[in-house]
Structure formats: structure tokens, C-alpha cells
């Protein structure tokens, strides 16, 4: 067996974040920044900085089957500015482990992943802060430039069982245009500017939950994100890629919900009060391997 360069999707932090894509990110760091105001009489400012670091180790066997090993982490810093500034931190660490089986004729791929994770404010005993979930995904390869994916994501969130049907497409339309993603989580329409640079527009949907400490009755924070974005990314040295996007939140909510009555939203933590949708931006640093023909990869690295 060996380290592989297959066409795979990846997972971010504790919640589903799938990409059907013509590349593999072995190391991926993203710094997302969001600025807005609370829906209070003082119109208090809110700043959310979300830091995500992900490591991916795919191990390929001779028959093209792949062992998938990941380490995903997140630190979200929520700051309420004003006369009495407040700050809260949320943390996530997950260890997805899975396997992709490829049919002998290479037309089908079957992927299963088990995802244990810890989502917490890390203020006290962690026994209530663990979650478990997984993914089942089937890929139909029609041509090298066209693949269709379907499956199911499940996670035992702090609000209960979370099932999410998945439908993905990876389509290289021509030498300039391609689209890829797994809905409803993530999708991109991309244009190739040059050998090293791409630009495009995309959709991102990200939902997860974090357990609070006993000080807050072991309640949890329910995070809901939906955004549209425009991005540009490019290789600056060999496989080192920098990315930048500007996005508009369609839905962005961090609410404190009751431990037992999970649909009951509670006050008492002013950093997690309702705020307005607004603009944000993300900066990324990635070690990326393209899933492309060898001669094209060689040309890009000249």
C-alpha cells in the first residue's frame, strides 16, 4: 500500500463538509471572519473568527481501494463588542476513519466513514461533549470527467439524530470550466484563469452543535450557516496554494438551546443572541495535490 492521490471528498471539523472535487487537500487551514451587529437596541457589533485546520492521510492499496484517515479541528471565537465586551470560544476535534472500495471495472466507488468527535467549550468535564456519526457514499463513474455521487450523512447532534441525504456531481465541462460538490453542503462553479489560478462562485451550508459547561446547565450552541461566495485561489509555490473568498451570509445563527428541551432557545449568554446577516471573508493556506494527468501536473510545477 502507499499514499494515494485519488479523487476524494473531505470532511471539516465536526459537521459535514463534503467536496466532490478534482484535487485532494492533505493540509488545509482556513481563517473565516464575519462582522455584523446584534438585533438589540444598541446595535452592538459582533465579530466571529472561525479557524479550521484539517489533515488528510489517504492510503491506497494495489486494487485502488483507499483507507481514509483524517484529523479535523475548529476553534470559533465569538466576540460581542460594546461598553462591556464579551468573548466565548467553541472547539471541535474529530477523527474520521473510513474506507473506499472500488469495483473491478472502476465504474463504482463505495465509501463508508465513521466520525467520532468532541464539540465543546472545554470548560469542565467532557463526558457530555462527544458525538458520533458517519457517511455512506456511492460514486458512479460515467467518464473520467463526469461522476455522480449519492448517499447519506448521519450525526448524533446535541439536538438529536441528524440525517442528511447527499447528492454530488463532479463534471469537467471543458479545459476552462468545471463544477463540483456534494449538495446540500457545498458546491462550486469554477473557471480556470491560468495554469496556477482559478476563480469561481460557490455555495456552503454548515450546521453543527457545541456542548456548554455545567455553569450553563450543559446547554448547547446550535450553529447554522448558509452562504454564497466568490473566490480566487492559486498555487504560489509547487503544491502550496493560497485562497481568498468574499461571502454573504444567507443564514448565520448561533443560538443557545436547552439541554432537555432542545428546541427551546435560551438567553443568558449575550454573545449568542440573534444578529444580522452580513458580509465576511475567508483566507486559506493549503497543501494541495491535483487529480490531473501527469504531464499537466509536471507543466504546472515548472
Protein backbone atom coordinates (compact mmCIF):
# COMPACT_ATOMS: atom_id res chain seq x y z
CA UNK A 1 0.00 0.00 0.00
CA UNK A 2 1.04 3.63 -0.49
CA UNK A 3 -0.04 7.22 -0.02
CA UNK A 4 -2.51 7.89 -2.83
CA UNK A 5 -3.66 10.79 -4.96
CA UNK A 6 -7.29 9.78 -5.66
CA UNK A 7 -10.35 11.84 -6.34
CA UNK A 8 -11.95 12.03 -2.88
CA UNK A 9 -14.09 14.33 -0.79
CA UNK A 10 -13.14 15.77 2.56
CA UNK A 11 -14.77 16.50 5.94
CA UNK A 12 -14.35 19.71 8.05
CA UNK A 13 -14.49 19.79 11.77
CA UNK A 14 -17.40 18.15 13.46
CA UNK A 15 -20.07 18.75 10.90
CA UNK A 16 -20.46 17.59 7.36
CA UNK A 17 -18.50 19.48 4.79
CA UNK A 18 -18.16 17.38 1.64
CA UNK A 19 -16.48 18.20 -1.63
CA UNK A 20 -16.53 16.10 -4.77
CA UNK A 21 -13.51 17.69 -6.36
CA UNK A 22 -10.62 17.36 -8.83
CA UNK A 23 -8.00 17.65 -6.05
CA UNK A 24 -7.00 16.41 -2.61
CA UNK A 25 -6.05 18.77 0.24
CA UNK A 26 -3.59 16.99 2.52
CA UNK A 27 -3.26 20.02 4.82
CA UNK A 28 -5.90 22.74 4.87
CA UNK A 29 -6.10 25.81 7.12
CA UNK A 30 -8.92 28.35 6.81
CA UNK A 31 -9.47 31.58 8.72
CA UNK A 32 -13.07 32.81 8.32
CA UNK A 33 -14.03 36.30 9.50
CA UNK A 34 -17.57 37.62 9.91
CA UNK A 35 -18.65 41.11 11.01
CA UNK A 36 -22.21 42.15 11.87
CA UNK A 37 -24.48 43.65 14.56
CA UNK A 38 -26.85 42.14 17.12
CA UNK A 39 -30.57 42.76 16.91
CA UNK A 40 -30.57 44.83 20.10
CA UNK A 41 -31.38 48.49 20.77
CA UNK A 42 -27.67 49.42 20.89
CA UNK A 43 -26.93 47.69 17.58
CA UNK A 44 -23.92 46.08 19.29
CA UNK A 45 -21.15 44.81 16.98
CA UNK A 46 -20.34 41.09 16.72
CA UNK A 47 -17.16 39.58 15.30
CA UNK A 48 -16.81 35.83 14.67
CA UNK A 49 -13.45 34.34 13.76
CA UNK A 50 -13.55 30.66 12.78
CA UNK A 51 -10.23 28.79 12.49
CA UNK A 52 -10.25 25.36 10.85
CA UNK A 53 -7.25 23.04 10.47
CA UNK A 54 -7.61 19.69 8.69
CA UNK A 55 -5.11 16.90 7.98
CA UNK A 56 -5.80 14.12 5.49
CA UNK A 57 -3.88 10.84 5.02
CA UNK A 58 -5.27 8.62 2.22
CA UNK A 59 -3.62 5.18 1.95
CA UNK A 60 -4.08 3.42 -1.40
CA UNK A 61 -3.89 -0.32 -1.98
CA UNK A 62 -2.93 -2.10 -5.20
CA UNK A 63 -6.57 -2.69 -6.17
CA UNK A 64 -7.26 1.09 -5.85
CA UNK A 65 -9.17 0.69 -2.58
CA UNK A 66 -8.37 3.50 -0.16
CA UNK A 67 -8.07 3.76 3.62
CA UNK A 68 -9.17 7.27 4.71
CA UNK A 69 -7.67 8.86 7.83
CA UNK A 70 -8.41 12.43 8.87
CA UNK A 71 -7.86 14.80 11.78
CA UNK A 72 -10.16 17.86 11.75
CA UNK A 73 -10.20 20.74 14.22
CA UNK A 74 -12.04 24.01 14.72
CA UNK A 75 -11.84 26.98 17.08
CA UNK A 76 -14.61 29.58 16.81
CA UNK A 77 -14.14 32.86 18.69
CA UNK A 78 -17.34 34.88 19.16
CA UNK A 79 -16.82 38.47 20.37
CA UNK A 80 -19.53 40.94 21.36
CA UNK A 81 -18.14 44.48 21.31
CA UNK A 82 -19.57 47.47 23.16
CA UNK A 83 -19.34 49.05 26.62
CA UNK A 84 -18.88 45.59 28.21
CA UNK A 85 -17.09 43.36 25.67
CA UNK A 86 -17.67 39.61 25.97
CA UNK A 87 -15.92 36.69 24.30
CA UNK A 88 -16.75 32.98 24.05
CA UNK A 89 -14.74 30.14 22.48
CA UNK A 90 -16.07 26.95 20.90
CA UNK A 91 -13.85 23.96 19.99
CA UNK A 92 -14.19 20.86 17.86
CA UNK A 93 -11.89 17.89 17.17
CA UNK A 94 -12.91 14.92 15.02
CA UNK A 95 -11.10 11.80 13.81
CA UNK A 96 -12.88 10.46 10.70
CA UNK A 97 -11.80 6.97 9.70
CA UNK A 98 -13.13 5.23 6.62
CA UNK A 99 -12.62 3.06 3.58
CA UNK A 100 -13.37 3.43 -0.13
CA UNK A 101 -13.94 0.25 -2.14
CA UNK A 102 -13.53 0.49 -5.94
CA UNK A 103 -15.27 -2.02 -8.20
CA UNK A 104 -13.07 -4.10 -10.54
CA UNK A 105 -14.40 -2.24 -13.61
CA UNK A 106 -13.68 1.14 -11.89
CA UNK A 107 -17.23 2.35 -12.55
CA UNK A 108 -18.39 2.32 -8.93
CA UNK A 109 -16.88 3.54 -5.67
CA UNK A 110 -18.39 2.75 -2.25
CA UNK A 111 -17.26 4.86 0.71
CA UNK A 112 -18.03 4.47 4.40
CA UNK A 113 -16.65 6.74 7.14
CA UNK A 114 -17.04 6.64 10.92
CA UNK A 115 -16.74 10.07 12.61
CA UNK A 116 -16.13 10.38 16.37
CA UNK A 117 -15.82 13.95 17.58
CA UNK A 118 -15.63 16.28 20.55
CA UNK A 119 -17.62 19.56 20.34
CA UNK A 120 -17.36 21.70 23.45
CA UNK A 121 -16.41 24.97 25.15
CA UNK A 122 -13.77 22.90 27.05
CA UNK A 123 -14.59 24.45 30.44
CA UNK A 124 -15.22 21.35 32.52
CA UNK A 125 -15.80 17.58 32.39
CA UNK A 126 -16.06 16.40 28.77
CA UNK A 127 -18.27 13.34 29.31
CA UNK A 128 -21.31 15.08 27.79
CA UNK A 129 -19.39 16.60 24.87
CA UNK A 130 -18.86 13.65 22.50
CA UNK A 131 -20.73 12.93 19.26
CA UNK A 132 -20.68 10.03 16.81
CA UNK A 133 -21.69 9.91 13.18
CA UNK A 134 -20.80 8.69 9.74
CA UNK A 135 -21.18 8.84 5.98
CA UNK A 136 -22.22 6.31 3.32
CA UNK A 137 -21.49 7.48 -0.22
CA UNK A 138 -21.77 5.76 -3.61
CA UNK A 139 -19.99 7.16 -6.70
CA UNK A 140 -20.91 6.27 -10.28
CA UNK A 141 -18.09 7.00 -12.72
CA UNK A 142 -19.54 7.65 -16.18
CA UNK A 143 -16.36 9.11 -17.68
CA UNK A 144 -13.09 10.44 -16.29
CA UNK A 145 -14.61 13.94 -16.43
CA UNK A 146 -18.08 13.04 -15.10
CA UNK A 147 -19.00 11.40 -11.80
CA UNK A 148 -22.27 11.31 -9.86
CA UNK A 149 -22.44 10.72 -6.09
CA UNK A 150 -25.30 9.93 -3.73
CA UNK A 151 -25.55 8.84 -0.14
CA UNK A 152 -26.40 9.78 3.44
CA UNK A 153 -24.76 11.66 6.29
CA UNK A 154 -25.69 10.97 9.92
CA UNK A 155 -24.57 12.53 13.20
CA UNK A 156 -25.85 12.29 16.75
CA UNK A 157 -26.04 16.04 17.39
CA UNK A 158 -26.87 17.50 20.79
CA UNK A 159 -30.36 18.27 19.48
CA UNK A 160 -30.87 14.65 18.36
CA UNK A 161 -30.42 12.44 15.29
CA UNK A 162 -29.39 14.39 12.20
CA UNK A 163 -29.87 12.66 8.82
CA UNK A 164 -28.87 14.44 5.61
CA UNK A 165 -29.35 12.94 2.10
CA UNK A 166 -26.43 13.71 -0.24
CA UNK A 167 -26.25 14.27 -4.00
CA UNK A 168 -22.96 15.18 -5.65
CA UNK A 169 -21.59 15.98 -9.09
CA UNK A 170 -18.04 16.24 -10.42
CA UNK A 171 -18.09 17.48 -14.02
CA UNK A 172 -15.20 18.93 -16.00
CA UNK A 173 -17.11 20.70 -18.77
CA UNK A 174 -14.04 21.73 -20.78
CA UNK A 175 -10.46 22.91 -20.22
CA UNK A 176 -11.68 26.12 -18.54
CA UNK A 177 -14.94 25.30 -16.76
CA UNK A 178 -15.84 22.72 -14.14
CA UNK A 179 -18.39 22.23 -11.38
CA UNK A 180 -18.12 20.02 -8.32
CA UNK A 181 -19.61 19.50 -4.89
CA UNK A 182 -21.98 17.49 -2.73
CA UNK A 183 -25.28 19.18 -2.02
CA UNK A 184 -26.72 20.47 0.19
CA UNK A 185 -23.34 21.02 1.86
CA UNK A 186 -21.04 22.54 -0.74
CA UNK A 187 -20.99 23.29 -4.46
CA UNK A 188 -18.72 25.31 -6.78
CA UNK A 189 -18.72 26.57 -10.36
CA UNK A 190 -15.10 27.22 -11.29
CA UNK A 191 -13.21 28.93 -14.12
CA UNK A 192 -9.53 28.30 -14.80
CA UNK A 193 -7.73 31.62 -15.22
CA UNK A 194 -4.29 30.13 -15.93
CA UNK A 195 -2.19 27.06 -15.15
CA UNK A 196 -1.96 28.12 -11.50
CA UNK A 197 -5.05 30.21 -10.75
CA UNK A 198 -8.80 29.54 -10.54
CA UNK A 199 -11.81 31.66 -9.69
CA UNK A 200 -15.50 30.96 -9.25
CA UNK A 201 -18.66 31.15 -7.21
CA UNK A 202 -19.92 28.72 -4.62
CA UNK A 203 -22.47 27.69 -2.02
CA UNK A 204 -21.69 26.49 1.51
CA UNK A 205 -24.03 25.09 4.18
CA UNK A 206 -22.58 24.15 7.58
CA UNK A 207 -24.56 23.02 10.65
CA UNK A 208 -23.25 21.70 13.97
CA UNK A 209 -23.62 21.89 17.77
CA UNK A 210 -21.30 22.53 20.74
CA UNK A 211 -21.91 21.49 24.35
CA UNK A 212 -21.59 24.19 27.04
CA UNK A 213 -20.25 23.69 30.55
CA UNK A 214 -22.24 22.85 33.68
CA UNK A 215 -22.19 26.58 34.51
CA UNK A 216 -24.68 26.93 31.67
CA UNK A 217 -26.69 23.82 32.56
CA UNK A 218 -24.88 21.75 29.89
CA UNK A 219 -26.97 23.51 27.26
CA UNK A 220 -25.62 23.61 23.72
CA UNK A 221 -24.92 26.10 20.96
CA UNK A 222 -26.69 25.31 17.68
CA UNK A 223 -24.76 26.77 14.71
CA UNK A 224 -26.45 27.24 11.34
CA UNK A 225 -24.57 28.70 8.36
CA UNK A 226 -25.67 29.19 4.76
CA UNK A 227 -23.63 31.41 2.46
CA UNK A 228 -22.90 32.26 -1.16
CA UNK A 229 -19.37 33.24 -2.11
CA UNK A 230 -16.97 34.38 -4.80
CA UNK A 231 -13.41 33.13 -4.57
CA UNK A 232 -9.97 33.11 -6.14
CA UNK A 233 -7.18 30.64 -5.44
CA UNK A 234 -3.79 29.82 -6.85
CA UNK A 235 -0.52 27.97 -6.41
CA UNK A 236 2.27 30.21 -5.19
CA UNK A 237 4.96 27.52 -4.85
CA UNK A 238 4.70 23.92 -6.09
CA UNK A 239 1.77 22.38 -4.12
CA UNK A 240 1.31 25.34 -1.76
CA UNK A 241 -1.95 27.14 -2.54
CA UNK A 242 -3.43 30.38 -1.19
CA UNK A 243 -7.15 31.10 -1.37
CA UNK A 244 -9.40 34.08 -0.66
CA UNK A 245 -13.16 34.38 -0.75
CA UNK A 246 -15.78 37.01 -0.01
CA UNK A 247 -19.16 35.69 1.09
CA UNK A 248 -22.63 36.86 2.00
CA UNK A 249 -24.45 35.01 4.78
CA UNK A 250 -27.97 33.90 3.87
CA UNK A 251 -28.43 32.37 7.31
CA UNK A 252 -25.97 32.66 10.18
CA UNK A 253 -27.23 31.79 13.65
CA UNK A 254 -25.58 30.75 16.91
CA UNK A 255 -28.30 30.06 19.46
CA UNK A 256 -28.16 28.68 23.00
CA UNK A 257 -30.63 25.78 23.29
CA UNK A 258 -31.84 23.93 26.36
CA UNK A 259 -30.20 20.63 27.40
CA UNK A 260 -33.53 18.77 27.63
CA UNK A 261 -35.99 20.82 25.56
CA UNK A 262 -33.65 21.03 22.58
CA UNK A 263 -35.87 23.36 20.52
CA UNK A 264 -36.10 25.91 23.35
CA UNK A 265 -33.78 28.87 22.77
CA UNK A 266 -32.46 30.48 25.94
CA UNK A 267 -30.89 33.80 26.86
CA UNK A 268 -28.17 34.41 29.43
CA UNK A 269 -25.17 34.34 27.09
CA UNK A 270 -25.30 37.62 25.21
CA UNK A 271 -22.64 36.54 22.69
CA UNK A 272 -25.13 34.01 21.33
CA UNK A 273 -28.07 36.34 20.79
CA UNK A 274 -29.55 36.86 17.27
CA UNK A 275 -27.54 39.03 14.87
CA UNK A 276 -27.94 40.31 11.32
CA UNK A 277 -26.76 38.66 8.10
CA UNK A 278 -23.80 40.41 6.52
CA UNK A 279 -20.57 40.02 4.53
CA UNK A 280 -17.46 38.10 5.52
CA UNK A 281 -14.21 36.80 4.09
CA UNK A 282 -12.00 33.71 4.34
CA UNK A 283 -8.25 33.28 3.89
CA UNK A 284 -6.87 29.80 3.28
CA UNK A 285 -3.46 28.09 3.11
CA UNK A 286 -3.47 24.62 1.56
CA UNK A 287 -1.10 21.83 0.59
CA UNK A 288 -2.97 20.51 -2.46
CA UNK A 289 -2.42 17.66 -4.92
CA UNK A 290 -4.29 17.87 -8.20
CA UNK A 291 -6.10 14.88 -9.65
CA UNK A 292 -4.90 15.53 -13.19
CA UNK A 293 -2.83 13.97 -15.95
CA UNK A 294 0.86 13.59 -15.09
CA UNK A 295 2.07 15.82 -17.92
CA UNK A 296 -0.24 18.63 -16.78
CA UNK A 297 0.95 18.31 -13.20
CA UNK A 298 4.55 18.50 -14.41
CA UNK A 299 3.79 21.56 -16.52
CA UNK A 300 2.21 23.33 -13.54
CA UNK A 301 5.31 22.79 -11.39
CA UNK A 302 7.79 24.19 -13.94
